[in-house]
Each structure stands twice: as structure tokens, then as C-alpha cells.
Amino acid sequence: MTLKSIKLPLTEESQLTFRECKLDRKQYAEILETIISNHVDGFVFIEFH
């Protein structure tokens, strides 16, 4: 099974998403974006607590 990857353009609005974030989630979003962009064939992401 192959999934199609869609590249969305970065807009000024998308850059402002984390402007009001008080939990500093931007750093985690960037890490997740890197993981996803490096696995273009897809993967299962499992989080252990």
C-alpha cells in the first residue's frame, strides 16, 4: 500500500499558529514534522508512557 504525500505551502497564517501558545508546542511540532518528512512511505507512530 502506498500513500500519497501532499505538500502544503507555508503561509503567514500557518507560521502564526504557535504565536499565542504558552506550552511551547512549536518545538514538538517541528520534531514531528521532521519525523514525518523522513518517512515518506509511511509508518505507525506508537507513544509509550
Protein backbone atom coordinates (compact mmCIF):
# COMPACT_ATOMS: atom_id res chain seq x y z
CA MET A 1 0.00 0.00 0.00
CA THR A 2 1.37 3.39 -0.96
CA LEU A 3 0.11 6.65 0.46
CA LYS A 4 0.26 9.89 -1.45
CA SER A 5 2.06 12.70 0.31
CA ILE A 6 0.69 16.21 -0.09
CA LYS A 7 2.99 19.18 0.44
CA LEU A 8 1.10 22.16 1.82
CA PRO A 9 2.58 25.60 1.27
CA LEU A 10 3.61 27.51 4.37
CA THR A 11 1.61 30.67 4.70
CA GLU A 12 1.95 33.56 7.09
CA GLU A 13 -1.15 32.28 8.89
CA SER A 14 0.40 28.85 9.46
CA GLN A 15 3.55 30.46 10.87
CA LEU A 16 1.42 32.35 13.42
CA THR A 17 -0.21 29.16 14.71
CA PHE A 18 2.08 28.98 17.74
CA ARG A 19 2.26 32.72 18.40
CA GLU A 20 -0.08 32.56 21.40
CA CYS A 21 0.99 29.09 22.60
CA LYS A 22 2.07 29.20 26.23
CA LEU A 23 3.02 25.49 26.32
CA ASP A 24 5.88 25.86 23.80
CA ARG A 25 4.43 23.22 21.45
CA LYS A 26 6.20 24.57 18.37
CA GLN A 27 9.38 22.62 19.18
CA TYR A 28 7.43 19.34 19.30
CA ALA A 29 5.58 20.15 16.09
CA GLU A 30 8.90 20.73 14.33
CA ILE A 31 10.28 17.40 15.58
CA LEU A 32 7.13 15.57 14.48
CA GLU A 33 7.28 17.29 11.09
CA THR A 34 10.89 16.09 10.67
CA ILE A 35 9.94 12.51 11.56
CA ILE A 36 7.03 12.51 9.12
CA SER A 37 9.00 14.10 6.28
CA ASN A 38 11.78 11.48 6.67
CA HIS A 39 9.35 8.55 6.40
CA VAL A 40 7.56 9.26 3.14
CA ASP A 41 6.47 5.61 2.75
CA GLY A 42 4.50 5.83 5.98
CA PHE A 43 4.86 4.30 9.43
CA VAL A 44 2.95 3.61 12.62
CA PHE A 45 3.69 6.01 15.44
CA ILE A 46 3.25 4.49 18.90
CA GLU A 47 3.66 6.55 22.04
CA PHE A 48 4.55 4.75 25.26
CA HIS A 49 4.01 6.33 28.65
